[in-house]
Amino acid sequence: MSYTKEQIVELLETSTVAVERAILRIYSFQTPSEQHTKSTHRHNGRGFSSAHAEFMSSLAEWIKKSNRKPGQRLTSKQLVLGRKYIKKYWKQLMEFANNSEEVI
């Protein structure tokens, strides 16, 4: 199956689990140095933009540390902003989904 922008955005709008997985996926595209500093050093079209790197990296680390089940790891405020920002990364998510067996 080939995913479209609309399908990726729809999934992010309707699924908390998808938001969490998408945040972790984009975080995985950050370099180890970028992950460590919660910033963007290389402008290579991968990972978070410099405007979102600090906040979204902190969400990714929060999700990774949480022992709650998927879809319940972000607070309601984190989820609102995380969902808003992660939709901006639809293209990276679509490319990943279309080149792997995972949706996000």
PDB file of N, CA and C in Angstrom:
ATOM      1  N   MET A   1       0.841  -1.176   0.000  1.00  0.00           N
ATOM      2  CA  MET A   1       0.000   0.000   0.000  1.00  0.00           C
ATOM      3  C   MET A   1       0.887   1.239   0.000  1.00  0.00           C
ATOM      4  N   SER A   2       0.456   2.252  -0.678  1.00  0.00           N
ATOM      5  CA  SER A   2       1.166   3.520  -0.731  1.00  0.00           C
ATOM      6  C   SER A   2       0.325   4.569   0.000  1.00  0.00           C
ATOM      7  N   TYR A   3       0.922   5.212   0.992  1.00  0.00           N
ATOM      8  CA  TYR A   3       0.209   6.190   1.802  1.00  0.00           C
ATOM      9  C   TYR A   3       0.310   7.584   1.194  1.00  0.00           C
ATOM     10  N   THR A   4      -0.734   8.373   1.408  1.00  0.00           N
ATOM     11  CA  THR A   4      -0.773   9.750   0.926  1.00  0.00           C
ATOM     12  C   THR A   4      -0.640  10.699   2.116  1.00  0.00           C
ATOM     13  N   LYS A   5      -0.419  11.960   1.800  1.00  0.00           N
ATOM     14  CA  LYS A   5      -0.365  12.983   2.841  1.00  0.00           C
ATOM     15  C   LYS A   5      -1.664  12.966   3.651  1.00  0.00           C
ATOM     16  N   GLU A   6      -2.765  12.909   2.964  1.00  0.00           N
ATOM     17  CA  GLU A   6      -4.060  12.948   3.634  1.00  0.00           C
ATOM     18  C   GLU A   6      -4.239  11.785   4.599  1.00  0.00           C
ATOM     19  N   GLN A   7      -3.798  10.592   4.196  1.00  0.00           N
ATOM     20  CA  GLN A   7      -3.918   9.424   5.071  1.00  0.00           C
ATOM     21  C   GLN A   7      -3.030   9.551   6.307  1.00  0.00           C
ATOM     22  N   ILE A   8      -1.821  10.055   6.123  1.00  0.00           N
ATOM     23  CA  ILE A   8      -0.910  10.233   7.255  1.00  0.00           C
ATOM     24  C   ILE A   8      -1.484  11.264   8.222  1.00  0.00           C
ATOM     25  N   VAL A   9      -1.933  12.392   7.709  1.00  0.00           N
ATOM     26  CA  VAL A   9      -2.491  13.448   8.562  1.00  0.00           C
ATOM     27  C   VAL A   9      -3.744  12.961   9.272  1.00  0.00           C
ATOM     28  N   GLU A  10      -4.595  12.244   8.570  1.00  0.00           N
ATOM     29  CA  GLU A  10      -5.817  11.687   9.177  1.00  0.00           C
ATOM     30  C   GLU A  10      -5.468  10.742  10.320  1.00  0.00           C
ATOM     31  N   LEU A  11      -4.494   9.903  10.122  1.00  0.00           N
ATOM     32  CA  LEU A  11      -4.066   8.977  11.173  1.00  0.00           C
ATOM     33  C   LEU A  11      -3.569   9.750  12.394  1.00  0.00           C
ATOM     34  N   LEU A  12      -2.784  10.791  12.168  1.00  0.00           N
ATOM     35  CA  LEU A  12      -2.261  11.591  13.279  1.00  0.00           C
ATOM     36  C   LEU A  12      -3.369  12.354  13.998  1.00  0.00           C
ATOM     37  N   GLU A  13      -4.394  12.751  13.268  1.00  0.00           N
ATOM     38  CA  GLU A  13      -5.507  13.478  13.878  1.00  0.00           C
ATOM     39  C   GLU A  13      -6.403  12.572  14.710  1.00  0.00           C
ATOM     40  N   THR A  14      -6.417  11.281  14.415  1.00  0.00           N
ATOM     41  CA  THR A  14      -7.366  10.382  15.069  1.00  0.00           C
ATOM     42  C   THR A  14      -6.743   9.372  16.022  1.00  0.00           C
ATOM     43  N   SER A  15      -5.444   9.216  16.014  1.00  0.00           N
ATOM     44  CA  SER A  15      -4.823   8.180  16.834  1.00  0.00           C
ATOM     45  C   SER A  15      -3.703   8.728  17.713  1.00  0.00           C
ATOM     46  N   THR A  16      -3.907   8.629  19.015  1.00  0.00           N
ATOM     47  CA  THR A  16      -2.878   9.042  19.969  1.00  0.00           C
ATOM     48  C   THR A  16      -1.648   8.152  19.849  1.00  0.00           C
ATOM     49  N   VAL A  17      -1.852   6.870  19.628  1.00  0.00           N
ATOM     50  CA  VAL A  17      -0.727   5.944  19.451  1.00  0.00           C
ATOM     51  C   VAL A  17       0.100   6.364  18.237  1.00  0.00           C
ATOM     52  N   ALA A  18      -0.560   6.739  17.150  1.00  0.00           N
ATOM     53  CA  ALA A  18       0.150   7.170  15.942  1.00  0.00           C
ATOM     54  C   ALA A  18       0.964   8.433  16.212  1.00  0.00           C
ATOM     55  N   VAL A  19       0.433   9.354  16.990  1.00  0.00           N
ATOM     56  CA  VAL A  19       1.175  10.576  17.329  1.00  0.00           C
ATOM     57  C   VAL A  19       2.448  10.209  18.080  1.00  0.00           C
ATOM     58  N   GLU A  20       2.325   9.349  19.083  1.00  0.00           N
ATOM     59  CA  GLU A  20       3.497   8.949  19.862  1.00  0.00           C
ATOM     60  C   GLU A  20       4.522   8.227  18.989  1.00  0.00           C
ATOM     61  N   ARG A  21       4.051   7.310  18.169  1.00  0.00           N
ATOM     62  CA  ARG A  21       4.970   6.580  17.292  1.00  0.00           C
ATOM     63  C   ARG A  21       5.635   7.503  16.282  1.00  0.00           C
ATOM     64  N   ALA A  22       4.887   8.473  15.764  1.00  0.00           N
ATOM     65  CA  ALA A  22       5.443   9.413  14.795  1.00  0.00           C
ATOM     66  C   ALA A  22       6.512  10.298  15.441  1.00  0.00           C
ATOM     67  N   ILE A  23       6.266  10.744  16.655  1.00  0.00           N
ATOM     68  CA  ILE A  23       7.267  11.547  17.368  1.00  0.00           C
ATOM     69  C   ILE A  23       8.546  10.742  17.545  1.00  0.00           C
ATOM     70  N   LEU A  24       8.401   9.490  17.952  1.00  0.00           N
ATOM     71  CA  LEU A  24       9.581   8.632  18.126  1.00  0.00           C
ATOM     72  C   LEU A  24      10.286   8.373  16.797  1.00  0.00           C
ATOM     73  N   ARG A  25       9.526   8.221  15.721  1.00  0.00           N
ATOM     74  CA  ARG A  25      10.125   7.956  14.407  1.00  0.00           C
ATOM     75  C   ARG A  25      10.937   9.169  13.945  1.00  0.00           C
ATOM     76  N   ILE A  26      10.363  10.358  14.015  1.00  0.00           N
ATOM     77  CA  ILE A  26      11.092  11.548  13.576  1.00  0.00           C
ATOM     78  C   ILE A  26      12.301  11.786  14.481  1.00  0.00           C
ATOM     79  N   TYR A  27      12.144  11.544  15.772  1.00  0.00           N
ATOM     80  CA  TYR A  27      13.276  11.653  16.703  1.00  0.00           C
ATOM     81  C   TYR A  27      14.403  10.709  16.294  1.00  0.00           C
ATOM     82  N   SER A  28      14.058   9.530  15.805  1.00  0.00           N
ATOM     83  CA  SER A  28      15.088   8.564  15.394  1.00  0.00           C
ATOM     84  C   SER A  28      15.869   9.057  14.179  1.00  0.00           C
ATOM     85  N   PHE A  29      15.309  10.006  13.441  1.00  0.00           N
ATOM     86  CA  PHE A  29      16.006  10.576  12.291  1.00  0.00           C
ATOM     87  C   PHE A  29      17.002  11.662  12.699  1.00  0.00           C
ATOM     88  N   GLN A  30      16.916  12.134  13.947  1.00  0.00           N
ATOM     89  CA  GLN A  30      17.883  13.100  14.457  1.00  0.00           C
ATOM     90  C   GLN A  30      19.228  12.375  14.640  1.00  0.00           C
ATOM     91  N   THR A  31      20.322  13.077  14.464  1.00  0.00           N
ATOM     92  CA  THR A  31      21.631  12.475  14.729  1.00  0.00           C
ATOM     93  C   THR A  31      21.785  12.289  16.234  1.00  0.00           C
ATOM     94  N   PRO A  32      22.682  11.407  16.673  1.00  0.00           N
ATOM     95  CA  PRO A  32      22.904  11.244  18.115  1.00  0.00           C
ATOM     96  C   PRO A  32      23.250  12.575  18.801  1.00  0.00           C
ATOM     97  N   SER A  33      24.040  13.397  18.160  1.00  0.00           N
ATOM     98  CA  SER A  33      24.390  14.702  18.723  1.00  0.00           C
ATOM     99  C   SER A  33      23.152  15.587  18.856  1.00  0.00           C
ATOM    100  N   GLU A  34      22.294  15.574  17.853  1.00  0.00           N
ATOM    101  CA  GLU A  34      21.062  16.365  17.898  1.00  0.00           C
ATOM    102  C   GLU A  34      20.140  15.851  18.995  1.00  0.00           C
ATOM    103  N   GLN A  35      20.062  14.543  19.139  1.00  0.00           N
ATOM    104  CA  GLN A  35      19.245  13.975  20.206  1.00  0.00           C
ATOM    105  C   GLN A  35      19.777  14.396  21.571  1.00  0.00           C
ATOM    106  N   HIS A  36      21.077  14.348  21.732  1.00  0.00           N
ATOM    107  CA  HIS A  36      21.702  14.694  23.008  1.00  0.00           C
ATOM    108  C   HIS A  36      21.462  16.157  23.387  1.00  0.00           C
ATOM    109  N   THR A  37      21.571  17.042  22.418  1.00  0.00           N
ATOM    110  CA  THR A  37      21.430  18.477  22.689  1.00  0.00           C
ATOM    111  C   THR A  37      20.019  19.008  22.455  1.00  0.00           C
ATOM    112  N   LYS A  38      19.124  18.146  21.979  1.00  0.00           N
ATOM    113  CA  LYS A  38      17.739  18.544  21.667  1.00  0.00           C
ATOM    114  C   LYS A  38      17.719  19.754  20.726  1.00  0.00           C
ATOM    115  N   SER A  39      18.524  19.661  19.697  1.00  0.00           N
ATOM    116  CA  SER A  39      18.617  20.755  18.723  1.00  0.00           C
ATOM    117  C   SER A  39      18.860  20.165  17.341  1.00  0.00           C
ATOM    118  N   THR A  40      18.951  21.042  16.362  1.00  0.00           N
ATOM    119  CA  THR A  40      19.222  20.612  14.998  1.00  0.00           C
ATOM    120  C   THR A  40      20.531  21.242  14.550  1.00  0.00           C
ATOM    121  N   HIS A  41      21.486  20.396  14.158  1.00  0.00           N
ATOM    122  CA  HIS A  41      22.791  20.878  13.699  1.00  0.00           C
ATOM    123  C   HIS A  41      22.911  20.770  12.188  1.00  0.00           C
ATOM    124  N   ARG A  42      22.319  19.727  11.629  1.00  0.00           N
ATOM    125  CA  ARG A  42      22.420  19.472  10.194  1.00  0.00           C
ATOM    126  C   ARG A  42      21.066  19.750   9.557  1.00  0.00           C
ATOM    127  N   HIS A  43      21.055  20.566   8.574  1.00  0.00           N
ATOM    128  CA  HIS A  43      19.813  20.882   7.864  1.00  0.00           C
ATOM    129  C   HIS A  43      19.742  19.975   6.632  1.00  0.00           C
ATOM    130  N   ASN A  44      19.333  18.713   6.896  1.00  0.00           N
ATOM    131  CA  ASN A  44      19.340  17.682   5.871  1.00  0.00           C
ATOM    132  C   ASN A  44      17.940  17.178   5.517  1.00  0.00           C
ATOM    133  N   GLY A  45      16.919  17.865   6.001  1.00  0.00           N
ATOM    134  CA  GLY A  45      15.557  17.444   5.696  1.00  0.00           C
ATOM    135  C   GLY A  45      15.106  16.229   6.477  1.00  0.00           C
ATOM    136  N   ARG A  46      15.870  15.851   7.496  1.00  0.00           N
ATOM    137  CA  ARG A  46      15.538  14.678   8.319  1.00  0.00           C
ATOM    138  C   ARG A  46      15.433  15.115   9.776  1.00  0.00           C
ATOM    139  N   GLY A  47      14.517  14.528  10.488  1.00  0.00           N
ATOM    140  CA  GLY A  47      14.359  14.860  11.896  1.00  0.00           C
ATOM    141  C   GLY A  47      13.566  16.141  12.076  1.00  0.00           C
ATOM    142  N   PHE A  48      13.630  16.679  13.290  1.00  0.00           N
ATOM    143  CA  PHE A  48      12.874  17.876  13.630  1.00  0.00           C
ATOM    144  C   PHE A  48      13.549  19.134  13.102  1.00  0.00           C
ATOM    145  N   SER A  49      12.746  20.138  12.808  1.00  0.00           N
ATOM    146  CA  SER A  49      13.283  21.443  12.429  1.00  0.00           C
ATOM    147  C   SER A  49      13.867  22.105  13.678  1.00  0.00           C
ATOM    148  N   SER A  50      14.668  23.112  13.467  1.00  0.00           N
ATOM    149  CA  SER A  50      15.273  23.793  14.611  1.00  0.00           C
ATOM    150  C   SER A  50      14.200  24.443  15.493  1.00  0.00           C
ATOM    151  N   ALA A  51      13.090  24.850  14.915  1.00  0.00           N
ATOM    152  CA  ALA A  51      12.006  25.458  15.691  1.00  0.00           C
ATOM    153  C   ALA A  51      11.337  24.466  16.639  1.00  0.00           C
ATOM    154  N   HIS A  52      11.331  23.184  16.289  1.00  0.00           N
ATOM    155  CA  HIS A  52      10.632  22.171  17.084  1.00  0.00           C
ATOM    156  C   HIS A  52      11.556  21.213  17.825  1.00  0.00           C
ATOM    157  N   ALA A  53      12.835  21.248  17.528  1.00  0.00           N
ATOM    158  CA  ALA A  53      13.749  20.216  18.021  1.00  0.00           C
ATOM    159  C   ALA A  53      13.736  20.077  19.536  1.00  0.00           C
ATOM    160  N   GLU A  54      13.819  21.157  20.256  1.00  0.00           N
ATOM    161  CA  GLU A  54      13.903  21.060  21.718  1.00  0.00           C
ATOM    162  C   GLU A  54      12.632  20.458  22.311  1.00  0.00           C
ATOM    163  N   PHE A  55      11.485  21.008  21.933  1.00  0.00           N
ATOM    164  CA  PHE A  55      10.222  20.534  22.491  1.00  0.00           C
ATOM    165  C   PHE A  55       9.909  19.104  22.062  1.00  0.00           C
ATOM    166  N   MET A  56      10.017  18.826  20.767  1.00  0.00           N
ATOM    167  CA  MET A  56       9.656  17.496  20.272  1.00  0.00           C
ATOM    168  C   MET A  56      10.636  16.430  20.760  1.00  0.00           C
ATOM    169  N   SER A  57      11.901  16.777  20.902  1.00  0.00           N
ATOM    170  CA  SER A  57      12.871  15.828  21.456  1.00  0.00           C
ATOM    171  C   SER A  57      12.536  15.519  22.908  1.00  0.00           C
ATOM    172  N   SER A  58      12.099  16.546  23.650  1.00  0.00           N
ATOM    173  CA  SER A  58      11.717  16.292  25.046  1.00  0.00           C
ATOM    174  C   SER A  58      10.492  15.383  25.109  1.00  0.00           C
ATOM    175  N   LEU A  59       9.556  15.546  24.168  1.00  0.00           N
ATOM    176  CA  LEU A  59       8.398  14.637  24.121  1.00  0.00           C
ATOM    177  C   LEU A  59       8.845  13.211  23.808  1.00  0.00           C
ATOM    178  N   ALA A  60       9.758  13.066  22.859  1.00  0.00           N
ATOM    179  CA  ALA A  60      10.249  11.726  22.502  1.00  0.00           C
ATOM    180  C   ALA A  60      10.903  11.061  23.704  1.00  0.00           C
ATOM    181  N   GLU A  61      11.696  11.804  24.433  1.00  0.00           N
ATOM    182  CA  GLU A  61      12.351  11.232  25.617  1.00  0.00           C
ATOM    183  C   GLU A  61      11.334  10.899  26.697  1.00  0.00           C
ATOM    184  N   TRP A  62      10.324  11.721  26.848  1.00  0.00           N
ATOM    185  CA  TRP A  62       9.232  11.467  27.806  1.00  0.00           C
ATOM    186  C   TRP A  62       8.525  10.150  27.435  1.00  0.00           C
ATOM    187  N   ILE A  63       8.205  10.000  26.162  1.00  0.00           N
ATOM    188  CA  ILE A  63       7.524   8.786  25.694  1.00  0.00           C
ATOM    189  C   ILE A  63       8.399   7.561  25.954  1.00  0.00           C
ATOM    190  N   LYS A  64       9.681   7.666  25.630  1.00  0.00           N
ATOM    191  CA  LYS A  64      10.591   6.538  25.808  1.00  0.00           C
ATOM    192  C   LYS A  64      10.733   6.132  27.270  1.00  0.00           C
ATOM    193  N   LYS A  65      10.675   7.091  28.181  1.00  0.00           N
ATOM    194  CA  LYS A  65      10.841   6.808  29.607  1.00  0.00           C
ATOM    195  C   LYS A  65       9.566   6.318  30.280  1.00  0.00           C
ATOM    196  N   SER A  66       8.425   6.610  29.673  1.00  0.00           N
ATOM    197  CA  SER A  66       7.144   6.267  30.287  1.00  0.00           C
ATOM    198  C   SER A  66       6.919   4.763  30.295  1.00  0.00           C
ATOM    199  N   ASN A  67       6.420   4.283  31.409  1.00  0.00           N
ATOM    200  CA  ASN A  67       6.087   2.854  31.478  1.00  0.00           C
ATOM    201  C   ASN A  67       4.591   2.625  31.255  1.00  0.00           C
ATOM    202  N   ARG A  68       3.888   3.680  30.832  1.00  0.00           N
ATOM    203  CA  ARG A  68       2.475   3.544  30.514  1.00  0.00           C
ATOM    204  C   ARG A  68       2.331   2.946  29.124  1.00  0.00           C
ATOM    205  N   LYS A  69       1.163   2.403  28.843  1.00  0.00           N
ATOM    206  CA  LYS A  69       0.970   1.771  27.546  1.00  0.00           C
ATOM    207  C   LYS A  69       0.845   2.809  26.431  1.00  0.00           C
ATOM    208  N   PRO A  70       1.194   2.424  25.191  1.00  0.00           N
ATOM    209  CA  PRO A  70       1.107   3.350  24.055  1.00  0.00           C
ATOM    210  C   PRO A  70      -0.272   3.997  23.969  1.00  0.00           C
ATOM    211  N   GLY A  71      -0.265   5.276  23.648  1.00  0.00           N
ATOM    212  CA  GLY A  71      -1.502   6.024  23.546  1.00  0.00           C
ATOM    213  C   GLY A  71      -1.894   6.708  24.835  1.00  0.00           C
ATOM    214  N   GLN A  72      -1.131   6.444  25.922  1.00  0.00           N
ATOM    215  CA  GLN A  72      -1.441   7.051  27.218  1.00  0.00           C
ATOM    216  C   GLN A  72      -0.190   7.655  27.857  1.00  0.00           C
ATOM    217  N   ARG A  73       0.839   7.851  27.053  1.00  0.00           N
ATOM    218  CA  ARG A  73       2.106   8.290  27.625  1.00  0.00           C
ATOM    219  C   ARG A  73       2.258   9.804  27.671  1.00  0.00           C
ATOM    220  N   LEU A  74       1.572  10.538  26.820  1.00  0.00           N
ATOM    221  CA  LEU A  74       1.649  11.995  26.836  1.00  0.00           C
ATOM    222  C   LEU A  74       0.509  12.572  27.665  1.00  0.00           C
ATOM    223  N   THR A  75       0.780  13.703  28.327  1.00  0.00           N
ATOM    224  CA  THR A  75      -0.298  14.393  29.023  1.00  0.00           C
ATOM    225  C   THR A  75      -1.208  15.030  27.969  1.00  0.00           C
ATOM    226  N   SER A  76      -2.362  15.492  28.377  1.00  0.00           N
ATOM    227  CA  SER A  76      -3.289  16.091  27.407  1.00  0.00           C
ATOM    228  C   SER A  76      -2.677  17.331  26.756  1.00  0.00           C
ATOM    229  N   LYS A  77      -1.956  18.144  27.509  1.00  0.00           N
ATOM    230  CA  LYS A  77      -1.315  19.341  26.932  1.00  0.00           C
ATOM    231  C   LYS A  77      -0.193  18.951  25.982  1.00  0.00           C
ATOM    232  N   GLN A  78       0.602  17.968  26.363  1.00  0.00           N
ATOM    233  CA  GLN A  78       1.675  17.490  25.479  1.00  0.00           C
ATOM    234  C   GLN A  78       1.090  16.954  24.180  1.00  0.00           C
ATOM    235  N   LEU A  79       0.000  16.219  24.289  1.00  0.00           N
ATOM    236  CA  LEU A  79      -0.628  15.627  23.117  1.00  0.00           C
ATOM    237  C   LEU A  79      -1.146  16.694  22.159  1.00  0.00           C
ATOM    238  N   VAL A  80      -1.762  17.728  22.679  1.00  0.00           N
ATOM    239  CA  VAL A  80      -2.291  18.791  21.819  1.00  0.00           C
ATOM    240  C   VAL A  80      -1.168  19.410  20.991  1.00  0.00           C
ATOM    241  N   LEU A  81      -0.076  19.809  21.637  1.00  0.00           N
ATOM    242  CA  LEU A  81       1.038  20.422  20.905  1.00  0.00           C
ATOM    243  C   LEU A  81       1.794  19.412  20.060  1.00  0.00           C
ATOM    244  N   GLY A  82       1.996  18.219  20.602  1.00  0.00           N
ATOM    245  CA  GLY A  82       2.690  17.183  19.847  1.00  0.00           C
ATOM    246  C   GLY A  82       1.960  16.840  18.562  1.00  0.00           C
ATOM    247  N   ARG A  83       0.646  16.714  18.642  1.00  0.00           N
ATOM    248  CA  ARG A  83      -0.167  16.409  17.454  1.00  0.00           C
ATOM    249  C   ARG A  83      -0.082  17.564  16.452  1.00  0.00           C
ATOM    250  N   LYS A  84      -0.166  18.789  16.939  1.00  0.00           N
ATOM    251  CA  LYS A  84      -0.096  19.959  16.058  1.00  0.00           C
ATOM    252  C   LYS A  84       1.230  19.983  15.301  1.00  0.00           C
ATOM    253  N   TYR A  85       2.336  19.787  16.016  1.00  0.00           N
ATOM    254  CA  TYR A  85       3.654  19.891  15.391  1.00  0.00           C
ATOM    255  C   TYR A  85       4.003  18.681  14.535  1.00  0.00           C
ATOM    256  N   ILE A  86       3.637  17.479  14.973  1.00  0.00           N
ATOM    257  CA  ILE A  86       4.076  16.281  14.240  1.00  0.00           C
ATOM    258  C   ILE A  86       3.428  16.215  12.857  1.00  0.00           C
ATOM    259  N   LYS A  87       2.249  16.815  12.697  1.00  0.00           N
ATOM    260  CA  LYS A  87       1.615  16.813  11.377  1.00  0.00           C
ATOM    261  C   LYS A  87       2.454  17.561  10.344  1.00  0.00           C
ATOM    262  N   LYS A  88       3.315  18.445  10.784  1.00  0.00           N
ATOM    263  CA  LYS A  88       4.197  19.178   9.870  1.00  0.00           C
ATOM    264  C   LYS A  88       5.261  18.256   9.256  1.00  0.00           C
ATOM    265  N   TYR A  89       5.428  17.075   9.825  1.00  0.00           N
ATOM    266  CA  TYR A  89       6.437  16.128   9.359  1.00  0.00           C
ATOM    267  C   TYR A  89       5.828  14.998   8.530  1.00  0.00           C
ATOM    268  N   TRP A  90       4.647  15.270   7.975  1.00  0.00           N
ATOM    269  CA  TRP A  90       3.926  14.258   7.205  1.00  0.00           C
ATOM    270  C   TRP A  90       4.771  13.675   6.081  1.00  0.00           C
ATOM    271  N   LYS A  91       5.587  14.488   5.440  1.00  0.00           N
ATOM    272  CA  LYS A  91       6.355  13.997   4.291  1.00  0.00           C
ATOM    273  C   LYS A  91       7.385  12.949   4.717  1.00  0.00           C
ATOM    274  N   GLN A  92       8.124  13.220   5.799  1.00  0.00           N
ATOM    275  CA  GLN A  92       9.086  12.231   6.289  1.00  0.00           C
ATOM    276  C   GLN A  92       8.361  10.955   6.725  1.00  0.00           C
ATOM    277  N   LEU A  93       7.219  11.113   7.385  1.00  0.00           N
ATOM    278  CA  LEU A  93       6.445   9.961   7.842  1.00  0.00           C
ATOM    279  C   LEU A  93       5.894   9.166   6.666  1.00  0.00           C
ATOM    280  N   MET A  94       5.419   9.863   5.634  1.00  0.00           N
ATOM    281  CA  MET A  94       4.893   9.192   4.448  1.00  0.00           C
ATOM    282  C   MET A  94       6.005   8.423   3.737  1.00  0.00           C
ATOM    283  N   GLU A  95       7.163   9.051   3.593  1.00  0.00           N
ATOM    284  CA  GLU A  95       8.291   8.373   2.946  1.00  0.00           C
ATOM    285  C   GLU A  95       8.690   7.135   3.726  1.00  0.00           C
ATOM    286  N   PHE A  96       8.725   7.241   5.051  1.00  0.00           N
ATOM    287  CA  PHE A  96       9.061   6.084   5.880  1.00  0.00           C
ATOM    288  C   PHE A  96       8.018   4.982   5.689  1.00  0.00           C
ATOM    289  N   ALA A  97       6.744   5.342   5.800  1.00  0.00           N
ATOM    290  CA  ALA A  97       5.669   4.349   5.685  1.00  0.00           C
ATOM    291  C   ALA A  97       5.671   3.676   4.318  1.00  0.00           C
ATOM    292  N   ASN A  98       5.963   4.437   3.276  1.00  0.00           N
ATOM    293  CA  ASN A  98       5.935   3.880   1.925  1.00  0.00           C
ATOM    294  C   ASN A  98       7.179   3.074   1.595  1.00  0.00           C
ATOM    295  N   ASN A  99       8.213   3.172   2.409  1.00  0.00           N
ATOM    296  CA  ASN A  99       9.443   2.411   2.174  1.00  0.00           C
ATOM    297  C   ASN A  99       9.704   1.357   3.222  1.00  0.00           C
ATOM    298  N   SER A 100       8.705   1.069   4.046  1.00  0.00           N
ATOM    299  CA  SER A 100       8.863   0.024   5.058  1.00  0.00           C
ATOM    300  C   SER A 100       7.535  -0.696   5.199  1.00  0.00           C
ATOM    301  N   GLU A 101       7.505  -1.621   6.118  1.00  0.00           N
ATOM    302  CA  GLU A 101       6.257  -2.353   6.347  1.00  0.00           C
ATOM    303  C   GLU A 101       5.456  -1.761   7.496  1.00  0.00           C
ATOM    304  N   GLU A 102       5.986  -0.714   8.124  1.00  0.00           N
ATOM    305  CA  GLU A 102       5.281  -0.043   9.206  1.00  0.00           C
ATOM    306  C   GLU A 102       4.556   1.168   8.655  1.00  0.00           C
ATOM    307  N   VAL A 103       3.422   1.508   9.262  1.00  0.00           N
ATOM    308  CA  VAL A 103       2.719   2.712   8.845  1.00  0.00           C
ATOM    309  C   VAL A 103       3.477   3.917   9.378  1.00  0.00           C
ATOM    310  N   ILE A 104       3.739   3.956  10.660  1.00  0.00           N
ATOM    311  CA  ILE A 104       4.537   5.049  11.245  1.00  0.00           C
ATOM    312  C   ILE A 104       5.501   4.430  12.222  1.00  0.00           C
TER     313      ILE A 104
END
